[in-house]
Amino acid sequence: MGDQEIKHELIRLLKTIAPDTEPENLKPTDKIRQTLGIDSFDYLQFIVGCDDRFGVQTPEEDYGKIETLATLVAYIAARVK
């Protein structure tokens, strides 16, 4: 699975979790939560959705490492089988 496909799926998931936002406008270095104005519960739902969609397990200690779209794409790409 390529980076663009991962990014597309992440944007789709974000739109599902936070329908009033515009995740397609995220720049690679934007912090997802702050830029979209989503709360920690919605962000947790997003991470769980990512885990389900991509078949990965994101430990809680990694949440702080995946704040931007670019880092999340790279994180998932490194773990997708």
PDB file of N, CA and C in Angstrom:
ATOM      1  N   MET A   1       0.856  -1.181   0.000  1.00  0.00           N
ATOM      2  CA  MET A   1       0.000   0.000   0.000  1.00  0.00           C
ATOM      3  C   MET A   1       0.898   1.238   0.000  1.00  0.00           C
ATOM      4  N   GLY A   2       0.659   2.126  -0.934  1.00  0.00           N
ATOM      5  CA  GLY A   2       1.488   3.315  -1.075  1.00  0.00           C
ATOM      6  C   GLY A   2       1.053   4.463  -0.184  1.00  0.00           C
ATOM      7  N   ASP A   3       1.919   5.444  -0.064  1.00  0.00           N
ATOM      8  CA  ASP A   3       1.662   6.600   0.788  1.00  0.00           C
ATOM      9  C   ASP A   3       0.387   7.354   0.383  1.00  0.00           C
ATOM     10  N   GLN A   4       0.156   7.498  -0.920  1.00  0.00           N
ATOM     11  CA  GLN A   4      -1.034   8.245  -1.369  1.00  0.00           C
ATOM     12  C   GLN A   4      -2.311   7.506  -0.992  1.00  0.00           C
ATOM     13  N   GLU A   5      -2.295   6.189  -1.104  1.00  0.00           N
ATOM     14  CA  GLU A   5      -3.467   5.395  -0.728  1.00  0.00           C
ATOM     15  C   GLU A   5      -3.714   5.495   0.772  1.00  0.00           C
ATOM     16  N   ILE A   6      -2.648   5.438   1.547  1.00  0.00           N
ATOM     17  CA  ILE A   6      -2.769   5.580   3.001  1.00  0.00           C
ATOM     18  C   ILE A   6      -3.345   6.957   3.329  1.00  0.00           C
ATOM     19  N   LYS A   7      -2.795   7.999   2.717  1.00  0.00           N
ATOM     20  CA  LYS A   7      -3.273   9.362   2.961  1.00  0.00           C
ATOM     21  C   LYS A   7      -4.753   9.488   2.611  1.00  0.00           C
ATOM     22  N   HIS A   8      -5.150   8.941   1.489  1.00  0.00           N
ATOM     23  CA  HIS A   8      -6.555   8.986   1.072  1.00  0.00           C
ATOM     24  C   HIS A   8      -7.455   8.320   2.120  1.00  0.00           C
ATOM     25  N   GLU A   9      -7.043   7.172   2.599  1.00  0.00           N
ATOM     26  CA  GLU A   9      -7.831   6.466   3.616  1.00  0.00           C
ATOM     27  C   GLU A   9      -7.875   7.235   4.934  1.00  0.00           C
ATOM     28  N   LEU A  10      -6.762   7.862   5.308  1.00  0.00           N
ATOM     29  CA  LEU A  10      -6.738   8.661   6.535  1.00  0.00           C
ATOM     30  C   LEU A  10      -7.712   9.829   6.439  1.00  0.00           C
ATOM     31  N   ILE A  11      -7.730  10.478   5.310  1.00  0.00           N
ATOM     32  CA  ILE A  11      -8.650  11.609   5.110  1.00  0.00           C
ATOM     33  C   ILE A  11     -10.094  11.127   5.152  1.00  0.00           C
ATOM     34  N   ARG A  12     -10.353   9.984   4.544  1.00  0.00           N
ATOM     35  CA  ARG A  12     -11.699   9.415   4.575  1.00  0.00           C
ATOM     36  C   ARG A  12     -12.121   9.091   6.018  1.00  0.00           C
ATOM     37  N   LEU A  13     -11.210   8.503   6.782  1.00  0.00           N
ATOM     38  CA  LEU A  13     -11.503   8.191   8.181  1.00  0.00           C
ATOM     39  C   LEU A  13     -11.743   9.464   8.995  1.00  0.00           C
ATOM     40  N   LEU A  14     -10.912  10.462   8.781  1.00  0.00           N
ATOM     41  CA  LEU A  14     -11.092  11.728   9.506  1.00  0.00           C
ATOM     42  C   LEU A  14     -12.446  12.345   9.185  1.00  0.00           C
ATOM     43  N   LYS A  15     -12.851  12.279   7.939  1.00  0.00           N
ATOM     44  CA  LYS A  15     -14.137  12.841   7.529  1.00  0.00           C
ATOM     45  C   LYS A  15     -15.288  12.089   8.198  1.00  0.00           C
ATOM     46  N   THR A  16     -15.116  10.798   8.419  1.00  0.00           N
ATOM     47  CA  THR A  16     -16.128   9.995   9.096  1.00  0.00           C
ATOM     48  C   THR A  16     -16.207  10.361  10.579  1.00  0.00           C
ATOM     49  N   ILE A  17     -15.047  10.531  11.200  1.00  0.00           N
ATOM     50  CA  ILE A  17     -14.984  10.836  12.637  1.00  0.00           C
ATOM     51  C   ILE A  17     -15.417  12.274  12.913  1.00  0.00           C
ATOM     52  N   ALA A  18     -14.978  13.183  12.081  1.00  0.00           N
ATOM     53  CA  ALA A  18     -15.259  14.612  12.280  1.00  0.00           C
ATOM     54  C   ALA A  18     -15.828  15.198  10.982  1.00  0.00           C
ATOM     55  N   PRO A  19     -17.111  14.954  10.718  1.00  0.00           N
ATOM     56  CA  PRO A  19     -17.697  15.351   9.433  1.00  0.00           C
ATOM     57  C   PRO A  19     -17.726  16.854   9.169  1.00  0.00           C
ATOM     58  N   ASP A  20     -17.621  17.663  10.201  1.00  0.00           N
ATOM     59  CA  ASP A  20     -17.653  19.117  10.022  1.00  0.00           C
ATOM     60  C   ASP A  20     -16.291  19.720   9.695  1.00  0.00           C
ATOM     61  N   THR A  21     -15.281  18.863   9.528  1.00  0.00           N
ATOM     62  CA  THR A  21     -13.925  19.350   9.252  1.00  0.00           C
ATOM     63  C   THR A  21     -13.582  19.161   7.779  1.00  0.00           C
ATOM     64  N   GLU A  22     -12.444  19.699   7.390  1.00  0.00           N
ATOM     65  CA  GLU A  22     -11.968  19.563   6.011  1.00  0.00           C
ATOM     66  C   GLU A  22     -10.563  18.959   6.008  1.00  0.00           C
ATOM     67  N   PRO A  23     -10.467  17.660   6.308  1.00  0.00           N
ATOM     68  CA  PRO A  23      -9.144  17.026   6.387  1.00  0.00           C
ATOM     69  C   PRO A  23      -8.388  17.019   5.063  1.00  0.00           C
ATOM     70  N   GLU A  24      -9.101  17.154   3.955  1.00  0.00           N
ATOM     71  CA  GLU A  24      -8.427  17.182   2.654  1.00  0.00           C
ATOM     72  C   GLU A  24      -7.535  18.415   2.505  1.00  0.00           C
ATOM     73  N   ASN A  25      -7.724  19.416   3.368  1.00  0.00           N
ATOM     74  CA  ASN A  25      -6.901  20.620   3.337  1.00  0.00           C
ATOM     75  C   ASN A  25      -5.676  20.542   4.249  1.00  0.00           C
ATOM     76  N   LEU A  26      -5.505  19.417   4.948  1.00  0.00           N
ATOM     77  CA  LEU A  26      -4.347  19.267   5.837  1.00  0.00           C
ATOM     78  C   LEU A  26      -3.054  19.265   5.041  1.00  0.00           C
ATOM     79  N   LYS A  27      -2.102  20.026   5.532  1.00  0.00           N
ATOM     80  CA  LYS A  27      -0.752  19.980   4.973  1.00  0.00           C
ATOM     81  C   LYS A  27      -0.005  18.856   5.700  1.00  0.00           C
ATOM     82  N   PRO A  28       1.024  18.295   5.082  1.00  0.00           N
ATOM     83  CA  PRO A  28       1.729  17.175   5.714  1.00  0.00           C
ATOM     84  C   PRO A  28       2.245  17.465   7.123  1.00  0.00           C
ATOM     85  N   THR A  29       2.615  18.716   7.411  1.00  0.00           N
ATOM     86  CA  THR A  29       3.191  19.034   8.721  1.00  0.00           C
ATOM     87  C   THR A  29       2.176  19.620   9.709  1.00  0.00           C
ATOM     88  N   ASP A  30       0.921  19.749   9.300  1.00  0.00           N
ATOM     89  CA  ASP A  30      -0.119  20.230  10.221  1.00  0.00           C
ATOM     90  C   ASP A  30      -0.384  19.190  11.302  1.00  0.00           C
ATOM     91  N   LYS A  31      -0.544  19.647  12.527  1.00  0.00           N
ATOM     92  CA  LYS A  31      -0.953  18.745  13.599  1.00  0.00           C
ATOM     93  C   LYS A  31      -2.448  18.484  13.422  1.00  0.00           C
ATOM     94  N   ILE A  32      -2.789  17.229  13.300  1.00  0.00           N
ATOM     95  CA  ILE A  32      -4.152  16.833  12.938  1.00  0.00           C
ATOM     96  C   ILE A  32      -5.178  17.358  13.936  1.00  0.00           C
ATOM     97  N   ARG A  33      -4.998  17.068  15.213  1.00  0.00           N
ATOM     98  CA  ARG A  33      -5.991  17.482  16.221  1.00  0.00           C
ATOM     99  C   ARG A  33      -6.160  18.993  16.276  1.00  0.00           C
ATOM    100  N   GLN A  34      -5.060  19.707  16.340  1.00  0.00           N
ATOM    101  CA  GLN A  34      -5.127  21.151  16.485  1.00  0.00           C
ATOM    102  C   GLN A  34      -5.676  21.813  15.220  1.00  0.00           C
ATOM    103  N   THR A  35      -5.229  21.383  14.063  1.00  0.00           N
ATOM    104  CA  THR A  35      -5.650  22.002  12.811  1.00  0.00           C
ATOM    105  C   THR A  35      -7.136  21.775  12.551  1.00  0.00           C
ATOM    106  N   LEU A  36      -7.606  20.576  12.830  1.00  0.00           N
ATOM    107  CA  LEU A  36      -9.016  20.273  12.582  1.00  0.00           C
ATOM    108  C   LEU A  36      -9.913  20.612  13.766  1.00  0.00           C
ATOM    109  N   GLY A  37      -9.305  20.876  14.921  1.00  0.00           N
ATOM    110  CA  GLY A  37     -10.080  21.221  16.108  1.00  0.00           C
ATOM    111  C   GLY A  37     -10.889  20.055  16.654  1.00  0.00           C
ATOM    112  N   ILE A  38     -10.322  18.847  16.584  1.00  0.00           N
ATOM    113  CA  ILE A  38     -11.037  17.695  17.129  1.00  0.00           C
ATOM    114  C   ILE A  38     -10.531  17.386  18.526  1.00  0.00           C
ATOM    115  N   ASP A  39     -11.432  16.885  19.349  1.00  0.00           N
ATOM    116  CA  ASP A  39     -11.067  16.619  20.735  1.00  0.00           C
ATOM    117  C   ASP A  39     -10.351  15.277  20.878  1.00  0.00           C
ATOM    118  N   SER A  40      -9.883  15.005  22.075  1.00  0.00           N
ATOM    119  CA  SER A  40      -9.078  13.806  22.300  1.00  0.00           C
ATOM    120  C   SER A  40      -9.891  12.528  22.098  1.00  0.00           C
ATOM    121  N   PHE A  41     -11.184  12.553  22.421  1.00  0.00           N
ATOM    122  CA  PHE A  41     -12.017  11.367  22.215  1.00  0.00           C
ATOM    123  C   PHE A  41     -12.149  11.060  20.722  1.00  0.00           C
ATOM    124  N   ASP A  42     -12.417  12.079  19.916  1.00  0.00           N
ATOM    125  CA  ASP A  42     -12.519  11.874  18.471  1.00  0.00           C
ATOM    126  C   ASP A  42     -11.185  11.418  17.888  1.00  0.00           C
ATOM    127  N   TYR A  43     -10.094  11.967  18.400  1.00  0.00           N
ATOM    128  CA  TYR A  43      -8.783  11.559  17.902  1.00  0.00           C
ATOM    129  C   TYR A  43      -8.517  10.092  18.253  1.00  0.00           C
ATOM    130  N   LEU A  44      -8.908   9.684  19.440  1.00  0.00           N
ATOM    131  CA  LEU A  44      -8.753   8.283  19.834  1.00  0.00           C
ATOM    132  C   LEU A  44      -9.585   7.387  18.918  1.00  0.00           C
ATOM    133  N   GLN A  45     -10.805   7.800  18.610  1.00  0.00           N
ATOM    134  CA  GLN A  45     -11.633   7.038  17.670  1.00  0.00           C
ATOM    135  C   GLN A  45     -10.951   6.939  16.304  1.00  0.00           C
ATOM    136  N   PHE A  46     -10.322   8.011  15.894  1.00  0.00           N
ATOM    137  CA  PHE A  46      -9.594   8.033  14.626  1.00  0.00           C
ATOM    138  C   PHE A  46      -8.444   7.028  14.647  1.00  0.00           C
ATOM    139  N   ILE A  47      -7.669   7.003  15.713  1.00  0.00           N
ATOM    140  CA  ILE A  47      -6.541   6.068  15.821  1.00  0.00           C
ATOM    141  C   ILE A  47      -7.048   4.628  15.814  1.00  0.00           C
ATOM    142  N   VAL A  48      -8.116   4.358  16.549  1.00  0.00           N
ATOM    143  CA  VAL A  48      -8.705   3.017  16.564  1.00  0.00           C
ATOM    144  C   VAL A  48      -9.194   2.644  15.158  1.00  0.00           C
ATOM    145  N   GLY A  49      -9.802   3.607  14.467  1.00  0.00           N
ATOM    146  CA  GLY A  49     -10.240   3.374  13.094  1.00  0.00           C
ATOM    147  C   GLY A  49      -9.070   3.070  12.172  1.00  0.00           C
ATOM    148  N   CYS A  50      -7.970   3.764  12.372  1.00  0.00           N
ATOM    149  CA  CYS A  50      -6.753   3.505  11.583  1.00  0.00           C
ATOM    150  C   CYS A  50      -6.242   2.089  11.856  1.00  0.00           C
ATOM    151  N   ASP A  51      -6.215   1.718  13.122  1.00  0.00           N
ATOM    152  CA  ASP A  51      -5.766   0.374  13.482  1.00  0.00           C
ATOM    153  C   ASP A  51      -6.630  -0.682  12.793  1.00  0.00           C
ATOM    154  N   ASP A  52      -7.949  -0.482  12.837  1.00  0.00           N
ATOM    155  CA  ASP A  52      -8.865  -1.433  12.202  1.00  0.00           C
ATOM    156  C   ASP A  52      -8.678  -1.461  10.688  1.00  0.00           C
ATOM    157  N   ARG A  53      -8.603  -0.304  10.071  1.00  0.00           N
ATOM    158  CA  ARG A  53      -8.527  -0.204   8.614  1.00  0.00           C
ATOM    159  C   ARG A  53      -7.231  -0.793   8.062  1.00  0.00           C
ATOM    160  N   PHE A  54      -6.122  -0.516   8.753  1.00  0.00           N
ATOM    161  CA  PHE A  54      -4.821  -0.920   8.229  1.00  0.00           C
ATOM    162  C   PHE A  54      -4.273  -2.190   8.878  1.00  0.00           C
ATOM    163  N   GLY A  55      -4.973  -2.716   9.875  1.00  0.00           N
ATOM    164  CA  GLY A  55      -4.527  -3.937  10.531  1.00  0.00           C
ATOM    165  C   GLY A  55      -3.257  -3.759  11.342  1.00  0.00           C
ATOM    166  N   VAL A  56      -3.124  -2.612  11.980  1.00  0.00           N
ATOM    167  CA  VAL A  56      -1.965  -2.339  12.825  1.00  0.00           C
ATOM    168  C   VAL A  56      -2.419  -2.165  14.266  1.00  0.00           C
ATOM    169  N   GLN A  57      -1.480  -2.191  15.168  1.00  0.00           N
ATOM    170  CA  GLN A  57      -1.736  -1.909  16.574  1.00  0.00           C
ATOM    171  C   GLN A  57      -0.892  -0.708  16.969  1.00  0.00           C
ATOM    172  N   THR A  58      -1.543   0.376  17.358  1.00  0.00           N
ATOM    173  CA  THR A  58      -0.829   1.578  17.754  1.00  0.00           C
ATOM    174  C   THR A  58      -0.840   1.658  19.281  1.00  0.00           C
ATOM    175  N   PRO A  59       0.294   1.411  19.913  1.00  0.00           N
ATOM    176  CA  PRO A  59       0.336   1.517  21.370  1.00  0.00           C
ATOM    177  C   PRO A  59       0.156   2.967  21.812  1.00  0.00           C
ATOM    178  N   GLU A  60      -0.427   3.137  22.972  1.00  0.00           N
ATOM    179  CA  GLU A  60      -0.716   4.471  23.492  1.00  0.00           C
ATOM    180  C   GLU A  60       0.528   5.353  23.555  1.00  0.00           C
ATOM    181  N   GLU A  61       1.668   4.767  23.830  1.00  0.00           N
ATOM    182  CA  GLU A  61       2.896   5.571  23.926  1.00  0.00           C
ATOM    183  C   GLU A  61       3.331   6.139  22.570  1.00  0.00           C
ATOM    184  N   ASP A  62       2.767   5.642  21.483  1.00  0.00           N
ATOM    185  CA  ASP A  62       3.094   6.169  20.159  1.00  0.00           C
ATOM    186  C   ASP A  62       2.183   7.312  19.720  1.00  0.00           C
ATOM    187  N   TYR A  63       1.104   7.571  20.428  1.00  0.00           N
ATOM    188  CA  TYR A  63       0.149   8.606  20.016  1.00  0.00           C
ATOM    189  C   TYR A  63       0.831   9.959  19.805  1.00  0.00           C
ATOM    190  N   GLY A  64       1.753  10.318  20.679  1.00  0.00           N
ATOM    191  CA  GLY A  64       2.452  11.594  20.566  1.00  0.00           C
ATOM    192  C   GLY A  64       3.413  11.665  19.389  1.00  0.00           C
ATOM    193  N   LYS A  65       3.770  10.509  18.827  1.00  0.00           N
ATOM    194  CA  LYS A  65       4.701  10.464  17.699  1.00  0.00           C
ATOM    195  C   LYS A  65       3.994  10.639  16.358  1.00  0.00           C
ATOM    196  N   ILE A  66       2.668  10.568  16.354  1.00  0.00           N
ATOM    197  CA  ILE A  66       1.922  10.566  15.091  1.00  0.00           C
ATOM    198  C   ILE A  66       0.929  11.724  15.051  1.00  0.00           C
ATOM    199  N   GLU A  67       1.409  12.909  15.327  1.00  0.00           N
ATOM    200  CA  GLU A  67       0.533  14.080  15.395  1.00  0.00           C
ATOM    201  C   GLU A  67       0.233  14.700  14.039  1.00  0.00           C
ATOM    202  N   THR A  68       1.124  14.511  13.061  1.00  0.00           N
ATOM    203  CA  THR A  68       0.926  15.148  11.757  1.00  0.00           C
ATOM    204  C   THR A  68       0.529  14.101  10.721  1.00  0.00           C
ATOM    205  N   LEU A  69      -0.004  14.573   9.615  1.00  0.00           N
ATOM    206  CA  LEU A  69      -0.392  13.673   8.539  1.00  0.00           C
ATOM    207  C   LEU A  69       0.825  12.923   7.999  1.00  0.00           C
ATOM    208  N   ALA A  70       1.934  13.615   7.832  1.00  0.00           N
ATOM    209  CA  ALA A  70       3.148  12.984   7.300  1.00  0.00           C
ATOM    210  C   ALA A  70       3.671  11.895   8.233  1.00  0.00           C
ATOM    211  N   THR A  71       3.706  12.166   9.527  1.00  0.00           N
ATOM    212  CA  THR A  71       4.224  11.160  10.455  1.00  0.00           C
ATOM    213  C   THR A  71       3.272   9.977  10.564  1.00  0.00           C
ATOM    214  N   LEU A  72       1.980  10.237  10.468  1.00  0.00           N
ATOM    215  CA  LEU A  72       1.011   9.142  10.535  1.00  0.00           C
ATOM    216  C   LEU A  72       1.092   8.262   9.287  1.00  0.00           C
ATOM    217  N   VAL A  73       1.214   8.875   8.127  1.00  0.00           N
ATOM    218  CA  VAL A  73       1.374   8.091   6.884  1.00  0.00           C
ATOM    219  C   VAL A  73       2.630   7.212   6.981  1.00  0.00           C
ATOM    220  N   ALA A  74       3.740   7.795   7.402  1.00  0.00           N
ATOM    221  CA  ALA A  74       4.992   7.045   7.521  1.00  0.00           C
ATOM    222  C   ALA A  74       4.870   5.935   8.564  1.00  0.00           C
ATOM    223  N   TYR A  75       4.220   6.225   9.675  1.00  0.00           N
ATOM    224  CA  TYR A  75       4.030   5.258  10.749  1.00  0.00           C
ATOM    225  C   TYR A  75       3.256   4.049  10.241  1.00  0.00           C
ATOM    226  N   ILE A  76       2.162   4.306   9.545  1.00  0.00           N
ATOM    227  CA  ILE A  76       1.325   3.221   9.033  1.00  0.00           C
ATOM    228  C   ILE A  76       2.061   2.468   7.922  1.00  0.00           C
ATOM    229  N   ALA A  77       2.695   3.194   7.013  1.00  0.00           N
ATOM    230  CA  ALA A  77       3.409   2.549   5.906  1.00  0.00           C
ATOM    231  C   ALA A  77       4.475   1.576   6.411  1.00  0.00           C
ATOM    232  N   ALA A  78       5.103   1.905   7.510  1.00  0.00           N
ATOM    233  CA  ALA A  78       6.151   1.042   8.070  1.00  0.00           C
ATOM    234  C   ALA A  78       5.570  -0.214   8.720  1.00  0.00           C
ATOM    235  N   ARG A  79       4.271  -0.213   9.017  1.00  0.00           N
ATOM    236  CA  ARG A  79       3.665  -1.326   9.736  1.00  0.00           C
ATOM    237  C   ARG A  79       2.676  -2.148   8.920  1.00  0.00           C
ATOM    238  N   VAL A  80       2.266  -1.639   7.778  1.00  0.00           N
ATOM    239  CA  VAL A  80       1.303  -2.380   6.955  1.00  0.00           C
ATOM    240  C   VAL A  80       1.997  -3.565   6.318  1.00  0.00           C
ATOM    241  N   LYS A  81       1.340  -4.698   6.387  1.00  0.00           N
ATOM    242  CA  LYS A  81       1.935  -5.926   5.856  1.00  0.00           C
ATOM    243  C   LYS A  81       1.501  -6.163   4.446  1.00  0.00           C
TER     244      LYS A  81
END
